[in-house]
Structures are given as C-alpha cells and as structure tokens.
Amino acid sequence: MLTLHYFARYREQLGLDHERLDWQPALSSVGALRDHLVGRGGCWTELAANNLMCARNQDLCSPAEPLGDGDEVAFFPPVTGG
C-alpha cells in the first residue's frame, strides 16, 4: 500500500489531501506513480507539471526514485522564501 499526500495547489485542484493506493510492480518509481495518476485525466493532469516537487518517505527526491510497498509519497509545487 502506498500513502499519497497532495499539498498546496495540488490539494486544492484535486479536492483531496491524501489517499491510499495499492502498490503494484508497475508503480516501481515516483515517476511511474505520477504517470499513473496523470492517466486518470481531468484535474489529475496538473501533476504532469515540469516543476512538480516530490518526496518519498519525507525526503525530497526525483521522479526516478524507486518505490516499494509501504512507501509514503508527497507531491507539491515548488516553494519560494525570503
């Protein structure tokens, strides 16, 4: 089982802040998971943004980051600060 979290504008656009998804071998990386979610169509295509940030188990990562059963994944837009 994967636990997914959506933050900031993604949470607002998708209308949910988290969900659980059965892990399967096809979801072997954060990028594969993102492609799966984008494949839902509609508002989910927002996750195809080039500047999408992601984290696996609370560590920033790239879409190439491998996934396994029990992982937690978060998607969020880039942030700026001053």
PDB file of N, CA and C in Angstrom:
ATOM      1  N   MET A   1       0.845  -1.175   0.000  1.00  0.00           N
ATOM      2  CA  MET A   1       0.000   0.000   0.000  1.00  0.00           C
ATOM      3  C   MET A   1       0.893   1.242   0.000  1.00  0.00           C
ATOM      4  N   LEU A   2       0.569   2.190  -0.863  1.00  0.00           N
ATOM      5  CA  LEU A   2       1.251   3.481  -0.904  1.00  0.00           C
ATOM      6  C   LEU A   2       0.344   4.530  -0.265  1.00  0.00           C
ATOM      7  N   THR A   3       0.915   5.427   0.490  1.00  0.00           N
ATOM      8  CA  THR A   3       0.183   6.559   1.035  1.00  0.00           C
ATOM      9  C   THR A   3       0.632   7.795   0.277  1.00  0.00           C
ATOM     10  N   LEU A   4      -0.316   8.481  -0.342  1.00  0.00           N
ATOM     11  CA  LEU A   4      -0.021   9.649  -1.162  1.00  0.00           C
ATOM     12  C   LEU A   4      -0.553  10.903  -0.490  1.00  0.00           C
ATOM     13  N   HIS A   5       0.230  11.965  -0.524  1.00  0.00           N
ATOM     14  CA  HIS A   5      -0.165  13.251   0.033  1.00  0.00           C
ATOM     15  C   HIS A   5      -0.039  14.314  -1.054  1.00  0.00           C
ATOM     16  N   TYR A   6      -1.009  15.206  -1.094  1.00  0.00           N
ATOM     17  CA  TYR A   6      -1.019  16.305  -2.059  1.00  0.00           C
ATOM     18  C   TYR A   6      -1.055  17.609  -1.274  1.00  0.00           C
ATOM     19  N   PHE A   7      -0.166  18.539  -1.624  1.00  0.00           N
ATOM     20  CA  PHE A   7      -0.058  19.780  -0.881  1.00  0.00           C
ATOM     21  C   PHE A   7      -0.320  21.002  -1.757  1.00  0.00           C
ATOM     22  N   ALA A   8      -0.699  22.092  -1.083  1.00  0.00           N
ATOM     23  CA  ALA A   8      -0.885  23.416  -1.691  1.00  0.00           C
ATOM     24  C   ALA A   8      -1.864  23.357  -2.857  1.00  0.00           C
ATOM     25  N   ARG A   9      -1.477  23.893  -3.995  1.00  0.00           N
ATOM     26  CA  ARG A   9      -2.433  23.996  -5.107  1.00  0.00           C
ATOM     27  C   ARG A   9      -2.878  22.629  -5.613  1.00  0.00           C
ATOM     28  N   TYR A  10      -2.040  21.610  -5.487  1.00  0.00           N
ATOM     29  CA  TYR A  10      -2.457  20.276  -5.928  1.00  0.00           C
ATOM     30  C   TYR A  10      -3.596  19.760  -5.054  1.00  0.00           C
ATOM     31  N   ARG A  11      -3.503  19.984  -3.763  1.00  0.00           N
ATOM     32  CA  ARG A  11      -4.571  19.584  -2.855  1.00  0.00           C
ATOM     33  C   ARG A  11      -5.870  20.286  -3.243  1.00  0.00           C
ATOM     34  N   GLU A  12      -5.782  21.571  -3.546  1.00  0.00           N
ATOM     35  CA  GLU A  12      -6.972  22.343  -3.915  1.00  0.00           C
ATOM     36  C   GLU A  12      -7.552  21.887  -5.247  1.00  0.00           C
ATOM     37  N   GLN A  13      -6.695  21.668  -6.240  1.00  0.00           N
ATOM     38  CA  GLN A  13      -7.170  21.292  -7.565  1.00  0.00           C
ATOM     39  C   GLN A  13      -7.733  19.872  -7.600  1.00  0.00           C
ATOM     40  N   LEU A  14      -7.140  18.971  -6.823  1.00  0.00           N
ATOM     41  CA  LEU A  14      -7.594  17.585  -6.817  1.00  0.00           C
ATOM     42  C   LEU A  14      -8.757  17.359  -5.864  1.00  0.00           C
ATOM     43  N   GLY A  15      -8.931  18.255  -4.918  1.00  0.00           N
ATOM     44  CA  GLY A  15     -10.017  18.120  -3.958  1.00  0.00           C
ATOM     45  C   GLY A  15      -9.772  17.068  -2.891  1.00  0.00           C
ATOM     46  N   LEU A  16      -8.517  16.706  -2.669  1.00  0.00           N
ATOM     47  CA  LEU A  16      -8.187  15.794  -1.576  1.00  0.00           C
ATOM     48  C   LEU A  16      -6.759  16.032  -1.132  1.00  0.00           C
ATOM     49  N   ASP A  17      -6.496  15.709   0.117  1.00  0.00           N
ATOM     50  CA  ASP A  17      -5.146  15.934   0.631  1.00  0.00           C
ATOM     51  C   ASP A  17      -4.332  14.647   0.710  1.00  0.00           C
ATOM     52  N   HIS A  18      -4.997  13.511   0.703  1.00  0.00           N
ATOM     53  CA  HIS A  18      -4.260  12.247   0.724  1.00  0.00           C
ATOM     54  C   HIS A  18      -5.142  11.116   0.206  1.00  0.00           C
ATOM     55  N   GLU A  19      -4.508  10.013  -0.112  1.00  0.00           N
ATOM     56  CA  GLU A  19      -5.216   8.794  -0.494  1.00  0.00           C
ATOM     57  C   GLU A  19      -4.265   7.624  -0.327  1.00  0.00           C
ATOM     58  N   ARG A  20      -4.824   6.455  -0.318  1.00  0.00           N
ATOM     59  CA  ARG A  20      -4.028   5.229  -0.261  1.00  0.00           C
ATOM     60  C   ARG A  20      -4.271   4.472  -1.551  1.00  0.00           C
ATOM     61  N   LEU A  21      -3.210   3.884  -2.059  1.00  0.00           N
ATOM     62  CA  LEU A  21      -3.259   3.198  -3.338  1.00  0.00           C
ATOM     63  C   LEU A  21      -2.531   1.869  -3.191  1.00  0.00           C
ATOM     64  N   ASP A  22      -3.133   0.805  -3.684  1.00  0.00           N
ATOM     65  CA  ASP A  22      -2.456  -0.486  -3.638  1.00  0.00           C
ATOM     66  C   ASP A  22      -1.175  -0.415  -4.451  1.00  0.00           C
ATOM     67  N   TRP A  23      -0.067  -0.871  -3.850  1.00  0.00           N
ATOM     68  CA  TRP A  23       1.193  -0.902  -4.575  1.00  0.00           C
ATOM     69  C   TRP A  23       1.160  -2.053  -5.564  1.00  0.00           C
ATOM     70  N   GLN A  24       1.741  -1.835  -6.722  1.00  0.00           N
ATOM     71  CA  GLN A  24       1.878  -2.874  -7.737  1.00  0.00           C
ATOM     72  C   GLN A  24       3.213  -2.676  -8.440  1.00  0.00           C
ATOM     73  N   PRO A  25       3.784  -3.725  -9.002  1.00  0.00           N
ATOM     74  CA  PRO A  25       5.108  -3.613  -9.623  1.00  0.00           C
ATOM     75  C   PRO A  25       5.213  -2.519 -10.694  1.00  0.00           C
ATOM     76  N   ALA A  26       4.126  -2.205 -11.371  1.00  0.00           N
ATOM     77  CA  ALA A  26       4.160  -1.152 -12.394  1.00  0.00           C
ATOM     78  C   ALA A  26       4.439   0.220 -11.780  1.00  0.00           C
ATOM     79  N   LEU A  27       4.230   0.362 -10.486  1.00  0.00           N
ATOM     80  CA  LEU A  27       4.475   1.627  -9.784  1.00  0.00           C
ATOM     81  C   LEU A  27       5.844   1.567  -9.111  1.00  0.00           C
ATOM     82  N   SER A  28       6.852   1.255  -9.895  1.00  0.00           N
ATOM     83  CA  SER A  28       8.187   0.996  -9.356  1.00  0.00           C
ATOM     84  C   SER A  28       9.007   2.250  -9.070  1.00  0.00           C
ATOM     85  N   SER A  29       8.505   3.424  -9.479  1.00  0.00           N
ATOM     86  CA  SER A  29       9.219   4.676  -9.215  1.00  0.00           C
ATOM     87  C   SER A  29       8.200   5.792  -8.991  1.00  0.00           C
ATOM     88  N   VAL A  30       8.675   6.896  -8.446  1.00  0.00           N
ATOM     89  CA  VAL A  30       7.795   8.050  -8.243  1.00  0.00           C
ATOM     90  C   VAL A  30       7.272   8.537  -9.595  1.00  0.00           C
ATOM     91  N   GLY A  31       8.108   8.519 -10.622  1.00  0.00           N
ATOM     92  CA  GLY A  31       7.677   8.933 -11.957  1.00  0.00           C
ATOM     93  C   GLY A  31       6.595   8.029 -12.520  1.00  0.00           C
ATOM     94  N   ALA A  32       6.726   6.725 -12.324  1.00  0.00           N
ATOM     95  CA  ALA A  32       5.697   5.787 -12.785  1.00  0.00           C
ATOM     96  C   ALA A  32       4.387   6.021 -12.043  1.00  0.00           C
ATOM     97  N   LEU A  33       4.483   6.313 -10.758  1.00  0.00           N
ATOM     98  CA  LEU A  33       3.286   6.636  -9.978  1.00  0.00           C
ATOM     99  C   LEU A  33       2.644   7.905 -10.515  1.00  0.00           C
ATOM    100  N   ARG A  34       3.442   8.923 -10.754  1.00  0.00           N
ATOM    101  CA  ARG A  34       2.911  10.169 -11.286  1.00  0.00           C
ATOM    102  C   ARG A  34       2.227   9.932 -12.637  1.00  0.00           C
ATOM    103  N   ASP A  35       2.848   9.169 -13.511  1.00  0.00           N
ATOM    104  CA  ASP A  35       2.236   8.860 -14.809  1.00  0.00           C
ATOM    105  C   ASP A  35       0.898   8.145 -14.630  1.00  0.00           C
ATOM    106  N   HIS A  36       0.843   7.245 -13.674  1.00  0.00           N
ATOM    107  CA  HIS A  36      -0.397   6.533 -13.370  1.00  0.00           C
ATOM    108  C   HIS A  36      -1.493   7.519 -12.944  1.00  0.00           C
ATOM    109  N   LEU A  37      -1.140   8.443 -12.071  1.00  0.00           N
ATOM    110  CA  LEU A  37      -2.106   9.434 -11.591  1.00  0.00           C
ATOM    111  C   LEU A  37      -2.541  10.380 -12.705  1.00  0.00           C
ATOM    112  N   VAL A  38      -1.601  10.845 -13.508  1.00  0.00           N
ATOM    113  CA  VAL A  38      -1.916  11.728 -14.634  1.00  0.00           C
ATOM    114  C   VAL A  38      -2.866  11.012 -15.598  1.00  0.00           C
ATOM    115  N   GLY A  39      -2.709   9.705 -15.736  1.00  0.00           N
ATOM    116  CA  GLY A  39      -3.561   8.906 -16.605  1.00  0.00           C
ATOM    117  C   GLY A  39      -5.024   8.892 -16.196  1.00  0.00           C
ATOM    118  N   ARG A  40      -5.324   9.346 -15.006  1.00  0.00           N
ATOM    119  CA  ARG A  40      -6.721   9.452 -14.572  1.00  0.00           C
ATOM    120  C   ARG A  40      -7.451  10.535 -15.368  1.00  0.00           C
ATOM    121  N   GLY A  41      -6.690  11.458 -15.956  1.00  0.00           N
ATOM    122  CA  GLY A  41      -7.262  12.535 -16.761  1.00  0.00           C
ATOM    123  C   GLY A  41      -7.820  13.661 -15.914  1.00  0.00           C
ATOM    124  N   GLY A  42      -8.481  14.593 -16.564  1.00  0.00           N
ATOM    125  CA  GLY A  42      -9.093  15.732 -15.882  1.00  0.00           C
ATOM    126  C   GLY A  42      -8.092  16.519 -15.060  1.00  0.00           C
ATOM    127  N   CYS A  43      -8.468  16.849 -13.833  1.00  0.00           N
ATOM    128  CA  CYS A  43      -7.621  17.664 -12.963  1.00  0.00           C
ATOM    129  C   CYS A  43      -6.293  16.976 -12.621  1.00  0.00           C
ATOM    130  N   TRP A  44      -6.236  15.663 -12.773  1.00  0.00           N
ATOM    131  CA  TRP A  44      -5.014  14.924 -12.454  1.00  0.00           C
ATOM    132  C   TRP A  44      -3.854  15.276 -13.375  1.00  0.00           C
ATOM    133  N   THR A  45      -4.158  15.847 -14.541  1.00  0.00           N
ATOM    134  CA  THR A  45      -3.077  16.221 -15.459  1.00  0.00           C
ATOM    135  C   THR A  45      -2.210  17.333 -14.874  1.00  0.00           C
ATOM    136  N   GLU A  46      -2.686  18.014 -13.826  1.00  0.00           N
ATOM    137  CA  GLU A  46      -1.880  19.038 -13.145  1.00  0.00           C
ATOM    138  C   GLU A  46      -0.577  18.453 -12.610  1.00  0.00           C
ATOM    139  N   LEU A  47      -0.578  17.160 -12.290  1.00  0.00           N
ATOM    140  CA  LEU A  47       0.620  16.527 -11.750  1.00  0.00           C
ATOM    141  C   LEU A  47       1.695  16.311 -12.815  1.00  0.00           C
ATOM    142  N   ALA A  48       1.392  16.615 -14.072  1.00  0.00           N
ATOM    143  CA  ALA A  48       2.374  16.488 -15.149  1.00  0.00           C
ATOM    144  C   ALA A  48       3.292  17.706 -15.232  1.00  0.00           C
ATOM    145  N   ALA A  49       3.075  18.688 -14.387  1.00  0.00           N
ATOM    146  CA  ALA A  49       3.877  19.921 -14.411  1.00  0.00           C
ATOM    147  C   ALA A  49       5.367  19.605 -14.295  1.00  0.00           C
ATOM    148  N   ASN A  50       6.177  20.297 -15.088  1.00  0.00           N
ATOM    149  CA  ASN A  50       7.630  20.085 -15.070  1.00  0.00           C
ATOM    150  C   ASN A  50       8.266  20.450 -13.742  1.00  0.00           C
ATOM    151  N   ASN A  51       7.671  21.404 -13.028  1.00  0.00           N
ATOM    152  CA  ASN A  51       8.278  21.859 -11.775  1.00  0.00           C
ATOM    153  C   ASN A  51       7.681  21.187 -10.538  1.00  0.00           C
ATOM    154  N   LEU A  52       6.963  20.108 -10.726  1.00  0.00           N
ATOM    155  CA  LEU A  52       6.388  19.354  -9.609  1.00  0.00           C
ATOM    156  C   LEU A  52       7.503  18.860  -8.691  1.00  0.00           C
ATOM    157  N   MET A  53       7.331  19.056  -7.408  1.00  0.00           N
ATOM    158  CA  MET A  53       8.279  18.557  -6.415  1.00  0.00           C
ATOM    159  C   MET A  53       7.691  17.284  -5.822  1.00  0.00           C
ATOM    160  N   CYS A  54       8.572  16.380  -5.412  1.00  0.00           N
ATOM    161  CA  CYS A  54       8.088  15.142  -4.816  1.00  0.00           C
ATOM    162  C   CYS A  54       9.025  14.704  -3.695  1.00  0.00           C
ATOM    163  N   ALA A  55       8.455  13.909  -2.818  1.00  0.00           N
ATOM    164  CA  ALA A  55       9.220  13.360  -1.700  1.00  0.00           C
ATOM    165  C   ALA A  55       8.784  11.916  -1.481  1.00  0.00           C
ATOM    166  N   ARG A  56       9.737  11.096  -1.116  1.00  0.00           N
ATOM    167  CA  ARG A  56       9.459   9.700  -0.750  1.00  0.00           C
ATOM    168  C   ARG A  56       9.891   9.518   0.698  1.00  0.00           C
ATOM    169  N   ASN A  57       8.968   9.082   1.519  1.00  0.00           N
ATOM    170  CA  ASN A  57       9.242   8.879   2.943  1.00  0.00           C
ATOM    171  C   ASN A  57       9.868  10.117   3.579  1.00  0.00           C
ATOM    172  N   GLN A  58       9.320  11.268   3.214  1.00  0.00           N
ATOM    173  CA  GLN A  58       9.655  12.585   3.757  1.00  0.00           C
ATOM    174  C   GLN A  58      11.036  13.098   3.356  1.00  0.00           C
ATOM    175  N   ASP A  59      11.617  12.525   2.303  1.00  0.00           N
ATOM    176  CA  ASP A  59      12.878  13.026   1.753  1.00  0.00           C
ATOM    177  C   ASP A  59      12.638  13.463   0.323  1.00  0.00           C
ATOM    178  N   LEU A  60      13.074  14.697  -0.023  1.00  0.00           N
ATOM    179  CA  LEU A  60      12.940  15.151  -1.401  1.00  0.00           C
ATOM    180  C   LEU A  60      13.604  14.150  -2.334  1.00  0.00           C
ATOM    181  N   CYS A  61      13.001  13.970  -3.503  1.00  0.00           N
ATOM    182  CA  CYS A  61      13.539  13.000  -4.439  1.00  0.00           C
ATOM    183  C   CYS A  61      13.213  13.409  -5.865  1.00  0.00           C
ATOM    184  N   SER A  62      13.760  12.690  -6.814  1.00  0.00           N
ATOM    185  CA  SER A  62      13.458  12.891  -8.230  1.00  0.00           C
ATOM    186  C   SER A  62      12.415  11.859  -8.649  1.00  0.00           C
ATOM    187  N   PRO A  63      11.812  12.039  -9.814  1.00  0.00           N
ATOM    188  CA  PRO A  63      10.858  11.043 -10.305  1.00  0.00           C
ATOM    189  C   PRO A  63      11.481   9.656 -10.507  1.00  0.00           C
ATOM    190  N   ALA A  64      12.791   9.579 -10.617  1.00  0.00           N
ATOM    191  CA  ALA A  64      13.459   8.284 -10.798  1.00  0.00           C
ATOM    192  C   ALA A  64      13.554   7.479  -9.500  1.00  0.00           C
ATOM    193  N   GLU A  65      13.194   8.087  -8.376  1.00  0.00           N
ATOM    194  CA  GLU A  65      13.290   7.425  -7.067  1.00  0.00           C
ATOM    195  C   GLU A  65      12.463   6.138  -7.066  1.00  0.00           C
ATOM    196  N   PRO A  66      13.062   5.009  -6.692  1.00  0.00           N
ATOM    197  CA  PRO A  66      12.301   3.754  -6.662  1.00  0.00           C
ATOM    198  C   PRO A  66      11.270   3.747  -5.541  1.00  0.00           C
ATOM    199  N   LEU A  67      10.189   3.023  -5.775  1.00  0.00           N
ATOM    200  CA  LEU A  67       9.123   2.874  -4.781  1.00  0.00           C
ATOM    201  C   LEU A  67       8.967   1.420  -4.380  1.00  0.00           C
ATOM    202  N   GLY A  68       8.496   1.234  -3.177  1.00  0.00           N
ATOM    203  CA  GLY A  68       8.183  -0.098  -2.693  1.00  0.00           C
ATOM    204  C   GLY A  68       6.923  -0.063  -1.857  1.00  0.00           C
ATOM    205  N   ASP A  69       6.390  -1.227  -1.604  1.00  0.00           N
ATOM    206  CA  ASP A  69       5.186  -1.346  -0.799  1.00  0.00           C
ATOM    207  C   ASP A  69       5.417  -0.706   0.570  1.00  0.00           C
ATOM    208  N   GLY A  70       4.485   0.121   1.012  1.00  0.00           N
ATOM    209  CA  GLY A  70       4.576   0.780   2.304  1.00  0.00           C
ATOM    210  C   GLY A  70       5.149   2.190   2.249  1.00  0.00           C
ATOM    211  N   ASP A  71       5.587   2.626   1.090  1.00  0.00           N
ATOM    212  CA  ASP A  71       6.168   3.966   0.981  1.00  0.00           C
ATOM    213  C   ASP A  71       5.105   5.059   1.068  1.00  0.00           C
ATOM    214  N   GLU A  72       5.566   6.230   1.478  1.00  0.00           N
ATOM    215  CA  GLU A  72       4.745   7.436   1.529  1.00  0.00           C
ATOM    216  C   GLU A  72       5.311   8.404   0.491  1.00  0.00           C
ATOM    217  N   VAL A  73       4.438   8.943  -0.352  1.00  0.00           N
ATOM    218  CA  VAL A  73       4.856   9.849  -1.412  1.00  0.00           C
ATOM    219  C   VAL A  73       4.073  11.144  -1.294  1.00  0.00           C
ATOM    220  N   ALA A  74       4.762  12.261  -1.447  1.00  0.00           N
ATOM    221  CA  ALA A  74       4.109  13.574  -1.407  1.00  0.00           C
ATOM    222  C   ALA A  74       4.423  14.327  -2.690  1.00  0.00           C
ATOM    223  N   PHE A  75       3.415  15.037  -3.186  1.00  0.00           N
ATOM    224  CA  PHE A  75       3.567  15.887  -4.362  1.00  0.00           C
ATOM    225  C   PHE A  75       3.219  17.322  -3.954  1.00  0.00           C
ATOM    226  N   PHE A  76       4.051  18.278  -4.365  1.00  0.00           N
ATOM    227  CA  PHE A  76       3.806  19.673  -4.011  1.00  0.00           C
ATOM    228  C   PHE A  76       4.482  20.576  -5.025  1.00  0.00           C
ATOM    229  N   PRO A  77       3.983  21.808  -5.163  1.00  0.00           N
ATOM    230  CA  PRO A  77       4.610  22.759  -6.077  1.00  0.00           C
ATOM    231  C   PRO A  77       5.889  23.306  -5.462  1.00  0.00           C
ATOM    232  N   PRO A  78       6.753  23.885  -6.295  1.00  0.00           N
ATOM    233  CA  PRO A  78       7.971  24.493  -5.738  1.00  0.00           C
ATOM    234  C   PRO A  78       7.587  25.656  -4.821  1.00  0.00           C
ATOM    235  N   VAL A  79       8.417  25.873  -3.828  1.00  0.00           N
ATOM    236  CA  VAL A  79       8.155  26.946  -2.874  1.00  0.00           C
ATOM    237  C   VAL A  79       9.274  27.972  -2.951  1.00  0.00           C
ATOM    238  N   THR A  80       8.959  29.179  -2.599  1.00  0.00           N
ATOM    239  CA  THR A  80       9.974  30.213  -2.527  1.00  0.00           C
ATOM    240  C   THR A  80       9.919  30.852  -1.158  1.00  0.00           C
ATOM    241  N   GLY A  81      10.984  31.398  -0.762  1.00  0.00           N
ATOM    242  CA  GLY A  81      11.022  32.052   0.539  1.00  0.00           C
ATOM    243  C   GLY A  81      11.961  33.239   0.497  1.00  0.00           C
ATOM    244  N   GLY A  82      11.942  33.998   1.555  1.00  0.00           N
ATOM    245  CA  GLY A  82      12.765  35.196   1.531  1.00  0.00           C
ATOM    246  C   GLY A  82      13.584  35.394   2.706  1.00  0.00           C
TER     247      GLY A  82
END
